[in-house]
Amino acid sequence: MSWTFNPQPGRRERHLARIHRNPLFGHPPPEVDLARLEQAWSGDREDLMDFEGRFRALVEEAAALGAHADTEVVLALKERLEQAYEEAVGLAGDQGRIKEALQRLVDVTMRAVRAAAGNDPLALDELAQEEAARRLHFALLEEPLVADLLAPDGPIPAEDLVPTLLSSPEAALGKVLDLFDREQIVALCAQGRALLEERREQGYPLPEAWLRLGQMEAHRDRQED
């Protein structure tokens, strides 16, 4: 029976697509069979259904907020809305409408917080910085690999991290590297070089992966400066 990966997969299927016939994940390169793929589809569907229920509850909670809601209540809701956005970007299918709705709801809560800050210049400056950081973070999350790595129960186990990074497109890797501190980058570079040298001895030249290692090592070196 033939099958193909979905064009808008969930986290589990997305990682199987990284692994499938990729020598970075094993020798010989692992084959993803239909049974494993169906298990991923099932898990991704469950994630989506669970999220949709919690999203509806968040919308109802936001709609029920009064004009004079307690600031702490509003901030707690805003935090959960931001967490929901982080989760939404990694779900299967087109979640554009839900992401837009979450952004609007976050904006509504921020207006309430700004109103509570009044004319306090320090508070308003902090809120402006927070909003800029959030928009940058949301933009970064549009890279699926970023979303997968930041997810609390993400699909990438520790042993798959280096193969995943070395398999990533240049632009995606560039966005991901800032998620790691210098000590982590040093370790990832060492592990990556050892893996590529082992695969080369096994007959896999993997020129693109060597380029990604060079990108990682250049990032490491810049952190030294």
N, C-alpha and C. Protein backbone atom coordinates (compact mmCIF):
# COMPACT_ATOMS: atom_id res chain seq x y z
N MET A 1 0.84 -1.19 0.00
CA MET A 1 0.00 0.00 0.00
C MET A 1 0.88 1.25 0.00
N SER A 2 0.64 2.16 -0.96
CA SER A 2 1.45 3.36 -1.06
C SER A 2 0.91 4.45 -0.13
N TRP A 3 1.78 5.35 0.25
CA TRP A 3 1.38 6.47 1.11
C TRP A 3 2.35 7.62 0.88
N THR A 4 1.91 8.80 1.28
CA THR A 4 2.75 9.99 1.20
C THR A 4 2.60 10.80 2.49
N PHE A 5 3.59 11.62 2.77
CA PHE A 5 3.48 12.52 3.91
C PHE A 5 2.54 13.68 3.56
N ASN A 6 1.82 14.14 4.56
CA ASN A 6 0.91 15.27 4.37
C ASN A 6 1.70 16.56 4.14
N PRO A 7 1.16 17.48 3.32
CA PRO A 7 1.85 18.76 3.11
C PRO A 7 1.82 19.66 4.33
N GLN A 8 0.84 19.47 5.24
CA GLN A 8 0.75 20.25 6.47
C GLN A 8 0.64 19.30 7.66
N PRO A 9 1.75 18.61 7.96
CA PRO A 9 1.71 17.57 9.00
C PRO A 9 1.72 18.14 10.40
N GLY A 10 1.36 17.29 11.36
CA GLY A 10 1.52 17.62 12.76
C GLY A 10 2.94 17.29 13.20
N ARG A 11 3.20 17.50 14.49
CA ARG A 11 4.57 17.33 14.99
C ARG A 11 5.11 15.92 14.79
N ARG A 12 4.28 14.93 15.11
CA ARG A 12 4.76 13.55 15.03
C ARG A 12 5.09 13.16 13.59
N GLU A 13 4.17 13.45 12.68
CA GLU A 13 4.43 13.11 11.28
C GLU A 13 5.61 13.90 10.72
N ARG A 14 5.73 15.15 11.13
CA ARG A 14 6.82 15.99 10.65
C ARG A 14 8.17 15.36 11.01
N HIS A 15 8.26 14.82 12.21
CA HIS A 15 9.55 14.23 12.58
C HIS A 15 9.79 12.92 11.84
N LEU A 16 8.75 12.16 11.58
CA LEU A 16 8.93 10.94 10.78
C LEU A 16 9.42 11.29 9.38
N ALA A 17 8.95 12.41 8.84
CA ALA A 17 9.42 12.84 7.51
C ALA A 17 10.91 13.17 7.55
N ARG A 18 11.38 13.71 8.67
CA ARG A 18 12.82 13.98 8.80
C ARG A 18 13.62 12.68 8.82
N ILE A 19 13.07 11.69 9.48
CA ILE A 19 13.80 10.43 9.69
C ILE A 19 13.82 9.56 8.44
N HIS A 20 12.73 9.56 7.68
CA HIS A 20 12.53 8.60 6.60
C HIS A 20 13.69 8.60 5.59
N ARG A 21 14.35 7.46 5.50
CA ARG A 21 15.44 7.24 4.53
C ARG A 21 16.58 8.26 4.69
N ASN A 22 16.77 8.72 5.89
CA ASN A 22 17.81 9.71 6.17
C ASN A 22 18.95 9.04 6.92
N PRO A 23 20.13 8.89 6.29
CA PRO A 23 21.24 8.19 6.93
C PRO A 23 21.75 8.88 8.19
N LEU A 24 21.41 10.14 8.40
CA LEU A 24 21.83 10.80 9.64
C LEU A 24 21.17 10.17 10.85
N PHE A 25 20.04 9.52 10.65
CA PHE A 25 19.31 8.93 11.76
C PHE A 25 19.62 7.44 11.95
N GLY A 26 20.51 6.90 11.16
CA GLY A 26 20.86 5.50 11.37
C GLY A 26 21.51 4.89 10.15
N HIS A 27 22.19 3.78 10.37
CA HIS A 27 22.83 3.03 9.30
C HIS A 27 22.40 1.57 9.44
N PRO A 28 21.67 1.04 8.43
CA PRO A 28 21.23 1.71 7.20
C PRO A 28 20.14 2.75 7.48
N PRO A 29 19.87 3.65 6.52
CA PRO A 29 18.86 4.69 6.75
C PRO A 29 17.52 4.08 7.12
N PRO A 30 16.86 4.58 8.16
CA PRO A 30 15.60 3.99 8.61
C PRO A 30 14.46 4.24 7.62
N GLU A 31 13.59 3.25 7.51
CA GLU A 31 12.39 3.34 6.68
C GLU A 31 11.18 3.49 7.60
N VAL A 32 10.36 4.48 7.33
CA VAL A 32 9.12 4.67 8.09
C VAL A 32 8.04 3.85 7.40
N ASP A 33 7.45 2.92 8.14
CA ASP A 33 6.39 2.10 7.53
C ASP A 33 5.02 2.70 7.80
N LEU A 34 4.00 2.14 7.13
CA LEU A 34 2.65 2.69 7.24
C LEU A 34 2.11 2.60 8.66
N ALA A 35 2.42 1.54 9.38
CA ALA A 35 1.91 1.39 10.74
C ALA A 35 2.44 2.52 11.63
N ARG A 36 3.69 2.84 11.49
CA ARG A 36 4.27 3.92 12.30
C ARG A 36 3.68 5.27 11.90
N LEU A 37 3.45 5.43 10.60
CA LEU A 37 2.88 6.68 10.12
C LEU A 37 1.44 6.84 10.61
N GLU A 38 0.67 5.77 10.58
CA GLU A 38 -0.72 5.84 11.05
C GLU A 38 -0.77 6.17 12.55
N GLN A 39 0.19 5.65 13.30
CA GLN A 39 0.26 5.98 14.72
C GLN A 39 0.52 7.48 14.91
N ALA A 40 1.39 8.03 14.08
CA ALA A 40 1.67 9.47 14.15
C ALA A 40 0.44 10.27 13.76
N TRP A 41 -0.24 9.85 12.71
CA TRP A 41 -1.47 10.55 12.30
C TRP A 41 -2.49 10.57 13.43
N SER A 42 -2.63 9.43 14.08
CA SER A 42 -3.60 9.33 15.17
C SER A 42 -3.23 10.28 16.31
N GLY A 43 -1.97 10.30 16.69
CA GLY A 43 -1.53 11.19 17.75
C GLY A 43 -1.70 12.65 17.39
N ASP A 44 -1.40 13.00 16.13
CA ASP A 44 -1.55 14.38 15.70
C ASP A 44 -3.03 14.80 15.67
N ARG A 45 -3.91 13.88 15.30
CA ARG A 45 -5.35 14.18 15.33
C ARG A 45 -5.83 14.40 16.76
N GLU A 46 -5.35 13.58 17.68
CA GLU A 46 -5.73 13.75 19.09
C GLU A 46 -5.24 15.10 19.62
N ASP A 47 -4.02 15.48 19.26
CA ASP A 47 -3.50 16.78 19.67
C ASP A 47 -4.41 17.90 19.17
N LEU A 48 -4.83 17.79 17.92
CA LEU A 48 -5.66 18.83 17.31
C LEU A 48 -7.02 18.93 18.00
N MET A 49 -7.63 17.78 18.25
CA MET A 49 -8.95 17.78 18.89
C MET A 49 -8.87 18.33 20.31
N ASP A 50 -7.84 17.93 21.04
CA ASP A 50 -7.66 18.42 22.40
C ASP A 50 -7.44 19.93 22.41
N PHE A 51 -6.63 20.39 21.47
CA PHE A 51 -6.35 21.82 21.40
C PHE A 51 -7.62 22.61 21.07
N GLU A 52 -8.40 22.13 20.13
CA GLU A 52 -9.60 22.87 19.72
C GLU A 52 -10.55 23.05 20.89
N GLY A 53 -10.66 22.04 21.76
CA GLY A 53 -11.51 22.18 22.93
C GLY A 53 -10.98 23.24 23.89
N ARG A 54 -9.68 23.24 24.13
CA ARG A 54 -9.09 24.23 25.03
C ARG A 54 -9.12 25.63 24.42
N PHE A 55 -9.00 25.71 23.10
CA PHE A 55 -9.07 27.01 22.43
C PHE A 55 -10.46 27.63 22.60
N ARG A 56 -11.49 26.83 22.42
CA ARG A 56 -12.85 27.35 22.58
C ARG A 56 -13.06 27.86 24.01
N ALA A 57 -12.51 27.13 24.98
CA ALA A 57 -12.65 27.56 26.37
C ALA A 57 -11.93 28.88 26.61
N LEU A 58 -10.76 29.07 25.99
CA LEU A 58 -10.03 30.33 26.13
C LEU A 58 -10.81 31.49 25.53
N VAL A 59 -11.42 31.26 24.37
CA VAL A 59 -12.21 32.30 23.72
C VAL A 59 -13.38 32.70 24.61
N GLU A 60 -14.05 31.72 25.19
CA GLU A 60 -15.18 32.01 26.08
C GLU A 60 -14.72 32.78 27.31
N GLU A 61 -13.57 32.39 27.85
CA GLU A 61 -13.04 33.08 29.02
C GLU A 61 -12.68 34.53 28.69
N ALA A 62 -12.08 34.74 27.54
CA ALA A 62 -11.73 36.10 27.13
C ALA A 62 -12.98 36.94 26.91
N ALA A 63 -14.01 36.34 26.31
CA ALA A 63 -15.24 37.08 26.04
C ALA A 63 -15.95 37.47 27.33
N ALA A 64 -15.74 36.68 28.39
CA ALA A 64 -16.44 36.93 29.66
C ALA A 64 -15.73 37.97 30.52
N LEU A 65 -14.54 38.41 30.12
CA LEU A 65 -13.82 39.39 30.91
C LEU A 65 -14.58 40.73 30.89
N GLY A 66 -14.75 41.29 32.03
CA GLY A 66 -15.39 42.59 32.11
C GLY A 66 -14.40 43.72 31.84
N ALA A 67 -14.93 44.91 31.68
CA ALA A 67 -14.08 46.06 31.39
C ALA A 67 -13.12 46.37 32.54
N HIS A 68 -13.48 45.96 33.75
CA HIS A 68 -12.66 46.26 34.92
C HIS A 68 -12.09 44.99 35.55
N ALA A 69 -11.75 44.02 34.70
CA ALA A 69 -11.20 42.75 35.19
C ALA A 69 -9.89 43.00 35.91
N ASP A 70 -9.62 42.20 36.91
CA ASP A 70 -8.39 42.31 37.68
C ASP A 70 -7.18 42.10 36.77
N THR A 71 -6.16 42.93 36.94
CA THR A 71 -4.99 42.87 36.08
C THR A 71 -4.31 41.51 36.14
N GLU A 72 -4.24 40.92 37.32
CA GLU A 72 -3.59 39.61 37.46
C GLU A 72 -4.35 38.54 36.67
N VAL A 73 -5.68 38.64 36.66
CA VAL A 73 -6.49 37.71 35.88
C VAL A 73 -6.22 37.88 34.40
N VAL A 74 -6.14 39.13 33.96
CA VAL A 74 -5.87 39.41 32.55
C VAL A 74 -4.49 38.91 32.14
N LEU A 75 -3.49 39.13 32.98
CA LEU A 75 -2.13 38.68 32.67
C LEU A 75 -2.04 37.16 32.60
N ALA A 76 -2.75 36.49 33.50
CA ALA A 76 -2.75 35.02 33.49
C ALA A 76 -3.39 34.50 32.20
N LEU A 77 -4.47 35.16 31.77
CA LEU A 77 -5.13 34.76 30.53
C LEU A 77 -4.20 35.02 29.34
N LYS A 78 -3.53 36.16 29.34
CA LYS A 78 -2.61 36.47 28.24
C LYS A 78 -1.51 35.42 28.13
N GLU A 79 -0.98 34.99 29.25
CA GLU A 79 0.07 33.97 29.23
C GLU A 79 -0.44 32.67 28.62
N ARG A 80 -1.68 32.29 28.96
CA ARG A 80 -2.23 31.05 28.40
C ARG A 80 -2.54 31.21 26.91
N LEU A 81 -2.92 32.39 26.49
CA LEU A 81 -3.14 32.64 25.06
C LEU A 81 -1.82 32.53 24.29
N GLU A 82 -0.76 33.05 24.85
CA GLU A 82 0.55 32.95 24.20
C GLU A 82 1.01 31.49 24.13
N GLN A 83 0.77 30.74 25.19
CA GLN A 83 1.11 29.32 25.18
C GLN A 83 0.30 28.57 24.13
N ALA A 84 -0.97 28.96 23.99
CA ALA A 84 -1.83 28.33 22.99
C ALA A 84 -1.31 28.62 21.58
N TYR A 85 -0.80 29.82 21.37
CA TYR A 85 -0.25 30.16 20.05
C TYR A 85 0.96 29.27 19.76
N GLU A 86 1.83 29.11 20.75
CA GLU A 86 3.00 28.24 20.56
C GLU A 86 2.58 26.83 20.18
N GLU A 87 1.50 26.37 20.77
CA GLU A 87 1.02 25.02 20.47
C GLU A 87 0.38 24.97 19.09
N ALA A 88 -0.38 25.99 18.73
CA ALA A 88 -1.13 25.99 17.47
C ALA A 88 -0.21 25.90 16.26
N VAL A 89 0.95 26.56 16.31
CA VAL A 89 1.82 26.59 15.14
C VAL A 89 2.35 25.20 14.78
N GLY A 90 2.34 24.28 15.71
CA GLY A 90 2.87 22.95 15.43
C GLY A 90 1.83 21.92 15.07
N LEU A 91 0.56 22.30 15.05
CA LEU A 91 -0.52 21.35 14.79
C LEU A 91 -0.65 21.04 13.31
N ALA A 92 -1.30 19.91 13.03
CA ALA A 92 -1.54 19.53 11.64
C ALA A 92 -2.58 20.45 11.01
N GLY A 93 -2.49 20.60 9.69
CA GLY A 93 -3.46 21.39 8.97
C GLY A 93 -3.15 22.87 8.99
N ASP A 94 -4.05 23.64 8.40
CA ASP A 94 -3.89 25.09 8.32
C ASP A 94 -4.52 25.73 9.56
N GLN A 95 -3.69 26.26 10.42
CA GLN A 95 -4.17 26.87 11.66
C GLN A 95 -4.13 28.40 11.58
N GLY A 96 -4.14 28.93 10.36
CA GLY A 96 -4.02 30.37 10.20
C GLY A 96 -5.11 31.15 10.91
N ARG A 97 -6.36 30.71 10.80
CA ARG A 97 -7.46 31.44 11.43
C ARG A 97 -7.34 31.40 12.95
N ILE A 98 -6.96 30.27 13.50
CA ILE A 98 -6.82 30.18 14.95
C ILE A 98 -5.67 31.05 15.43
N LYS A 99 -4.56 31.07 14.70
CA LYS A 99 -3.43 31.92 15.10
C LYS A 99 -3.82 33.40 15.06
N GLU A 100 -4.56 33.79 14.02
CA GLU A 100 -5.01 35.18 13.95
C GLU A 100 -5.92 35.52 15.12
N ALA A 101 -6.83 34.58 15.46
CA ALA A 101 -7.74 34.82 16.59
C ALA A 101 -6.96 34.95 17.89
N LEU A 102 -5.95 34.11 18.08
CA LEU A 102 -5.15 34.18 19.30
C LEU A 102 -4.37 35.50 19.37
N GLN A 103 -3.85 35.93 18.24
CA GLN A 103 -3.12 37.21 18.23
C GLN A 103 -4.06 38.36 18.59
N ARG A 104 -5.28 38.33 18.05
CA ARG A 104 -6.25 39.39 18.38
C ARG A 104 -6.59 39.38 19.86
N LEU A 105 -6.77 38.19 20.42
CA LEU A 105 -7.10 38.09 21.84
C LEU A 105 -5.94 38.57 22.71
N VAL A 106 -4.72 38.25 22.32
CA VAL A 106 -3.56 38.75 23.06
C VAL A 106 -3.53 40.27 23.00
N ASP A 107 -3.81 40.82 21.81
CA ASP A 107 -3.83 42.28 21.67
C ASP A 107 -4.89 42.90 22.57
N VAL A 108 -6.05 42.25 22.68
CA VAL A 108 -7.12 42.76 23.54
C VAL A 108 -6.66 42.78 25.00
N THR A 109 -6.03 41.70 25.44
CA THR A 109 -5.56 41.66 26.83
C THR A 109 -4.47 42.70 27.06
N MET A 110 -3.61 42.92 26.05
CA MET A 110 -2.55 43.92 26.21
C MET A 110 -3.14 45.32 26.32
N ARG A 111 -4.21 45.59 25.60
CA ARG A 111 -4.84 46.91 25.73
C ARG A 111 -5.37 47.11 27.14
N ALA A 112 -5.93 46.03 27.71
CA ALA A 112 -6.43 46.13 29.08
C ALA A 112 -5.29 46.37 30.06
N VAL A 113 -4.17 45.73 29.85
CA VAL A 113 -3.02 45.91 30.73
C VAL A 113 -2.45 47.32 30.58
N ARG A 114 -2.38 47.81 29.35
CA ARG A 114 -1.88 49.18 29.14
C ARG A 114 -2.80 50.21 29.80
N ALA A 115 -4.10 49.95 29.71
CA ALA A 115 -5.04 50.87 30.35
C ALA A 115 -4.83 50.90 31.85
N ALA A 116 -4.55 49.73 32.44
CA ALA A 116 -4.31 49.66 33.88
C ALA A 116 -3.01 50.36 34.27
N ALA A 117 -2.04 50.40 33.32
CA ALA A 117 -0.76 51.06 33.61
C ALA A 117 -0.90 52.58 33.64
N GLY A 118 -1.98 53.09 33.07
CA GLY A 118 -2.20 54.53 33.09
C GLY A 118 -1.11 55.27 32.34
N ASN A 119 -0.58 56.31 32.98
CA ASN A 119 0.47 57.13 32.36
C ASN A 119 1.86 56.86 32.92
N ASP A 120 2.02 55.71 33.57
CA ASP A 120 3.31 55.35 34.14
C ASP A 120 4.31 55.08 33.01
N PRO A 121 5.29 55.94 32.77
CA PRO A 121 6.19 55.76 31.62
C PRO A 121 7.03 54.49 31.70
N LEU A 122 7.46 54.12 32.91
CA LEU A 122 8.26 52.91 33.05
C LEU A 122 7.44 51.68 32.71
N ALA A 123 6.21 51.60 33.22
CA ALA A 123 5.34 50.46 32.93
C ALA A 123 5.02 50.39 31.44
N LEU A 124 4.74 51.53 30.83
CA LEU A 124 4.40 51.55 29.41
C LEU A 124 5.59 51.13 28.55
N ASP A 125 6.81 51.54 28.97
CA ASP A 125 8.01 51.15 28.23
C ASP A 125 8.23 49.64 28.33
N GLU A 126 8.03 49.07 29.51
CA GLU A 126 8.17 47.63 29.69
C GLU A 126 7.16 46.87 28.84
N LEU A 127 5.94 47.38 28.78
CA LEU A 127 4.90 46.73 27.98
C LEU A 127 5.25 46.79 26.49
N ALA A 128 5.80 47.92 26.05
CA ALA A 128 6.19 48.04 24.65
C ALA A 128 7.30 47.06 24.30
N GLN A 129 8.27 46.90 25.21
CA GLN A 129 9.36 45.94 24.98
C GLN A 129 8.82 44.51 24.95
N GLU A 130 7.89 44.24 25.85
CA GLU A 130 7.30 42.89 25.90
C GLU A 130 6.55 42.59 24.61
N GLU A 131 5.81 43.57 24.10
CA GLU A 131 5.05 43.36 22.88
C GLU A 131 5.97 43.12 21.69
N ALA A 132 7.07 43.88 21.61
CA ALA A 132 8.02 43.69 20.52
C ALA A 132 8.65 42.30 20.59
N ALA A 133 9.00 41.86 21.80
CA ALA A 133 9.61 40.54 21.98
C ALA A 133 8.61 39.44 21.60
N ARG A 134 7.35 39.64 21.96
CA ARG A 134 6.34 38.63 21.64
C ARG A 134 6.15 38.50 20.13
N ARG A 135 6.09 39.63 19.44
CA ARG A 135 5.90 39.57 17.99
C ARG A 135 7.09 38.90 17.31
N LEU A 136 8.29 39.15 17.81
CA LEU A 136 9.48 38.49 17.28
C LEU A 136 9.41 36.99 17.55
N HIS A 137 8.97 36.62 18.75
CA HIS A 137 8.86 35.22 19.11
C HIS A 137 7.82 34.51 18.25
N PHE A 138 6.67 35.14 18.04
CA PHE A 138 5.64 34.55 17.20
C PHE A 138 6.14 34.36 15.77
N ALA A 139 6.90 35.32 15.26
CA ALA A 139 7.45 35.19 13.92
C ALA A 139 8.43 34.02 13.85
N LEU A 140 9.24 33.86 14.88
CA LEU A 140 10.20 32.77 14.93
C LEU A 140 9.50 31.41 14.94
N LEU A 141 8.35 31.37 15.60
CA LEU A 141 7.60 30.11 15.70
C LEU A 141 7.05 29.64 14.37
N GLU A 142 7.03 30.52 13.37
CA GLU A 142 6.54 30.11 12.06
C GLU A 142 7.46 29.08 11.42
N GLU A 143 8.68 28.96 11.91
CA GLU A 143 9.56 27.88 11.47
C GLU A 143 9.18 26.62 12.25
N PRO A 144 8.67 25.58 11.58
CA PRO A 144 8.19 24.39 12.29
C PRO A 144 9.21 23.77 13.23
N LEU A 145 10.48 23.79 12.85
CA LEU A 145 11.49 23.18 13.72
C LEU A 145 11.59 23.92 15.04
N VAL A 146 11.46 25.25 15.01
CA VAL A 146 11.47 26.02 16.26
C VAL A 146 10.31 25.59 17.14
N ALA A 147 9.12 25.50 16.54
CA ALA A 147 7.93 25.09 17.29
C ALA A 147 8.11 23.70 17.88
N ASP A 148 8.68 22.79 17.12
CA ASP A 148 8.86 21.41 17.60
C ASP A 148 9.86 21.36 18.76
N LEU A 149 10.91 22.14 18.68
CA LEU A 149 11.93 22.13 19.73
C LEU A 149 11.44 22.79 21.01
N LEU A 150 10.57 23.79 20.89
CA LEU A 150 10.07 24.50 22.07
C LEU A 150 8.88 23.81 22.72
N ALA A 151 8.24 22.89 22.01
CA ALA A 151 7.08 22.22 22.58
C ALA A 151 7.49 21.38 23.79
N PRO A 152 6.75 21.51 24.93
CA PRO A 152 7.11 20.75 26.13
C PRO A 152 7.15 19.24 25.90
N ASP A 153 6.25 18.74 25.06
CA ASP A 153 6.22 17.32 24.75
C ASP A 153 6.51 17.12 23.27
N GLY A 154 7.51 17.83 22.78
CA GLY A 154 7.83 17.80 21.36
C GLY A 154 8.26 16.43 20.87
N PRO A 155 8.30 16.26 19.55
CA PRO A 155 8.53 14.92 18.97
C PRO A 155 9.99 14.54 18.82
N ILE A 156 10.92 15.46 19.15
CA ILE A 156 12.33 15.20 18.85
C ILE A 156 13.05 14.75 20.12
N PRO A 157 13.34 13.45 20.26
CA PRO A 157 14.08 13.00 21.44
C PRO A 157 15.52 13.48 21.39
N ALA A 158 16.18 13.43 22.53
CA ALA A 158 17.54 13.97 22.63
C ALA A 158 18.49 13.33 21.61
N GLU A 159 18.34 12.04 21.38
CA GLU A 159 19.26 11.36 20.47
C GLU A 159 19.03 11.75 19.01
N ASP A 160 17.90 12.38 18.72
CA ASP A 160 17.61 12.81 17.35
C ASP A 160 17.94 14.27 17.11
N LEU A 161 18.38 14.98 18.13
CA LEU A 161 18.58 16.42 17.98
C LEU A 161 19.66 16.75 16.95
N VAL A 162 20.83 16.15 17.07
CA VAL A 162 21.91 16.46 16.14
C VAL A 162 21.55 16.06 14.71
N PRO A 163 21.05 14.84 14.46
CA PRO A 163 20.62 14.52 13.10
C PRO A 163 19.58 15.48 12.56
N THR A 164 18.68 15.93 13.43
CA THR A 164 17.64 16.87 13.00
C THR A 164 18.27 18.20 12.57
N LEU A 165 19.18 18.72 13.37
CA LEU A 165 19.82 19.99 13.02
C LEU A 165 20.62 19.87 11.72
N LEU A 166 21.34 18.78 11.55
CA LEU A 166 22.15 18.59 10.35
C LEU A 166 21.29 18.35 9.12
N SER A 167 20.03 17.96 9.32
CA SER A 167 19.11 17.72 8.20
C SER A 167 18.32 18.96 7.82
N SER A 168 18.44 20.02 8.58
CA SER A 168 17.60 21.19 8.40
C SER A 168 18.09 22.07 7.27
N PRO A 169 17.19 22.78 6.59
CA PRO A 169 17.62 23.79 5.61
C PRO A 169 18.41 24.90 6.30
N GLU A 170 19.21 25.59 5.54
CA GLU A 170 20.06 26.63 6.10
C GLU A 170 19.27 27.69 6.87
N ALA A 171 18.17 28.16 6.28
CA ALA A 171 17.39 29.21 6.93
C ALA A 171 16.78 28.74 8.23
N ALA A 172 16.27 27.51 8.24
CA ALA A 172 15.67 26.97 9.46
C ALA A 172 16.71 26.81 10.56
N LEU A 173 17.88 26.30 10.21
CA LEU A 173 18.93 26.12 11.20
C LEU A 173 19.36 27.47 11.78
N GLY A 174 19.42 28.49 10.92
CA GLY A 174 19.80 29.81 11.40
C GLY A 174 18.87 30.34 12.46
N LYS A 175 17.58 30.03 12.35
CA LYS A 175 16.61 30.48 13.34
C LYS A 175 16.71 29.67 14.63
N VAL A 176 17.08 28.41 14.50
CA VAL A 176 17.08 27.50 15.65
C VAL A 176 18.28 27.68 16.55
N LEU A 177 19.43 28.04 15.99
CA LEU A 177 20.66 28.03 16.77
C LEU A 177 20.63 28.97 17.96
N ASP A 178 19.87 30.05 17.86
CA ASP A 178 19.81 30.98 18.98
C ASP A 178 19.04 30.43 20.17
N LEU A 179 18.40 29.27 20.00
CA LEU A 179 17.70 28.64 21.12
C LEU A 179 18.67 27.99 22.10
N PHE A 180 19.92 27.81 21.68
CA PHE A 180 20.90 27.09 22.50
C PHE A 180 21.96 28.05 23.04
N ASP A 181 22.43 27.77 24.25
CA ASP A 181 23.51 28.57 24.79
C ASP A 181 24.86 28.05 24.26
N ARG A 182 25.92 28.76 24.63
CA ARG A 182 27.23 28.42 24.06
C ARG A 182 27.66 27.00 24.42
N GLU A 183 27.47 26.60 25.66
CA GLU A 183 27.88 25.25 26.07
C GLU A 183 27.15 24.20 25.25
N GLN A 184 25.87 24.42 25.01
CA GLN A 184 25.09 23.46 24.22
C GLN A 184 25.58 23.43 22.78
N ILE A 185 25.86 24.61 22.20
CA ILE A 185 26.33 24.65 20.82
C ILE A 185 27.66 23.94 20.66
N VAL A 186 28.56 24.13 21.62
CA VAL A 186 29.85 23.44 21.57
C VAL A 186 29.64 21.93 21.55
N ALA A 187 28.77 21.44 22.41
CA ALA A 187 28.50 20.00 22.47
C ALA A 187 27.84 19.51 21.18
N LEU A 188 26.89 20.27 20.65
CA LEU A 188 26.20 19.87 19.42
C LEU A 188 27.16 19.81 18.24
N CYS A 189 28.08 20.77 18.17
CA CYS A 189 29.06 20.76 17.09
C CYS A 189 29.97 19.54 17.17
N ALA A 190 30.41 19.22 18.36
CA ALA A 190 31.29 18.05 18.54
C ALA A 190 30.55 16.76 18.17
N GLN A 191 29.30 16.65 18.61
CA GLN A 191 28.51 15.47 18.29
C GLN A 191 28.24 15.39 16.79
N GLY A 192 27.96 16.55 16.19
CA GLY A 192 27.69 16.57 14.76
C GLY A 192 28.89 16.15 13.93
N ARG A 193 30.06 16.63 14.30
CA ARG A 193 31.27 16.26 13.55
C ARG A 193 31.55 14.76 13.71
N ALA A 194 31.39 14.23 14.91
CA ALA A 194 31.61 12.80 15.13
C ALA A 194 30.63 11.97 14.30
N LEU A 195 29.37 12.40 14.26
CA LEU A 195 28.36 11.67 13.49
C LEU A 195 28.68 11.69 12.00
N LEU A 196 29.05 12.85 11.47
CA LEU A 196 29.32 12.95 10.04
C LEU A 196 30.56 12.17 9.65
N GLU A 197 31.57 12.18 10.51
CA GLU A 197 32.77 11.39 10.20
C GLU A 197 32.45 9.90 10.20
N GLU A 198 31.61 9.48 11.14
CA GLU A 198 31.20 8.06 11.17
C GLU A 198 30.42 7.69 9.91
N ARG A 199 29.49 8.57 9.51
CA ARG A 199 28.70 8.27 8.31
C ARG A 199 29.57 8.29 7.06
N ARG A 200 30.57 9.16 7.01
CA ARG A 200 31.46 9.19 5.85
C ARG A 200 32.22 7.88 5.73
N GLU A 201 32.64 7.33 6.85
CA GLU A 201 33.33 6.04 6.83
C GLU A 201 32.39 4.93 6.37
N GLN A 202 31.09 5.12 6.60
CA GLN A 202 30.09 4.13 6.19
C GLN A 202 29.63 4.32 4.75
N GLY A 203 30.17 5.34 4.07
CA GLY A 203 29.86 5.53 2.66
C GLY A 203 28.85 6.62 2.36
N TYR A 204 28.56 7.48 3.33
CA TYR A 204 27.59 8.56 3.11
C TYR A 204 28.34 9.90 3.13
N PRO A 205 28.56 10.53 1.98
CA PRO A 205 29.31 11.80 1.98
C PRO A 205 28.53 12.96 2.59
N LEU A 206 27.21 13.03 2.38
CA LEU A 206 26.32 14.01 3.01
C LEU A 206 26.86 15.44 2.94
N PRO A 207 27.08 15.96 1.73
CA PRO A 207 27.66 17.31 1.61
C PRO A 207 26.80 18.41 2.25
N GLU A 208 25.47 18.31 2.13
CA GLU A 208 24.62 19.35 2.72
C GLU A 208 24.73 19.34 4.25
N ALA A 209 24.81 18.16 4.82
CA ALA A 209 24.95 18.07 6.28
C ALA A 209 26.28 18.67 6.74
N TRP A 210 27.33 18.48 5.96
CA TRP A 210 28.62 19.10 6.31
C TRP A 210 28.52 20.63 6.25
N LEU A 211 27.75 21.14 5.31
CA LEU A 211 27.53 22.59 5.26
C LEU A 211 26.80 23.08 6.50
N ARG A 212 25.82 22.29 6.95
CA ARG A 212 25.08 22.68 8.15
C ARG A 212 25.99 22.63 9.38
N LEU A 213 26.90 21.66 9.41
CA LEU A 213 27.86 21.62 10.52
C LEU A 213 28.73 22.87 10.49
N GLY A 214 29.16 23.28 9.30
CA GLY A 214 29.94 24.50 9.20
C GLY A 214 29.17 25.71 9.68
N GLN A 215 27.88 25.74 9.40
CA GLN A 215 27.02 26.82 9.89
C GLN A 215 26.95 26.81 11.41
N MET A 216 26.84 25.63 12.00
CA MET A 216 26.79 25.51 13.45
C MET A 216 28.12 25.95 14.07
N GLU A 217 29.22 25.54 13.47
CA GLU A 217 30.53 25.89 14.02
C GLU A 217 30.81 27.39 13.88
N ALA A 218 30.32 28.00 12.80
CA ALA A 218 30.47 29.45 12.66
C ALA A 218 29.68 30.18 13.72
N HIS A 219 28.51 29.67 14.04
CA HIS A 219 27.69 30.26 15.11
C HIS A 219 28.41 30.10 16.45
N ARG A 220 28.99 28.95 16.67
CA ARG A 220 29.77 28.71 17.91
C ARG A 220 30.90 29.71 18.02
N ASP A 221 31.63 29.90 16.93
CA ASP A 221 32.78 30.80 16.95
C ASP A 221 32.35 32.25 17.20
N ARG A 222 31.21 32.64 16.65
CA ARG A 222 30.72 34.01 16.89
C ARG A 222 30.36 34.22 18.35
N GLN A 223 29.91 33.17 19.00
CA GLN A 223 29.58 33.28 20.42
C GLN A 223 30.81 33.53 21.27
N GLU A 224 31.99 33.14 20.77
CA GLU A 224 33.23 33.36 21.50
C GLU A 224 33.64 34.83 21.50
N ASP A 225 33.24 35.54 20.46
CA ASP A 225 33.67 36.93 20.29
C ASP A 225 32.96 37.87 21.27
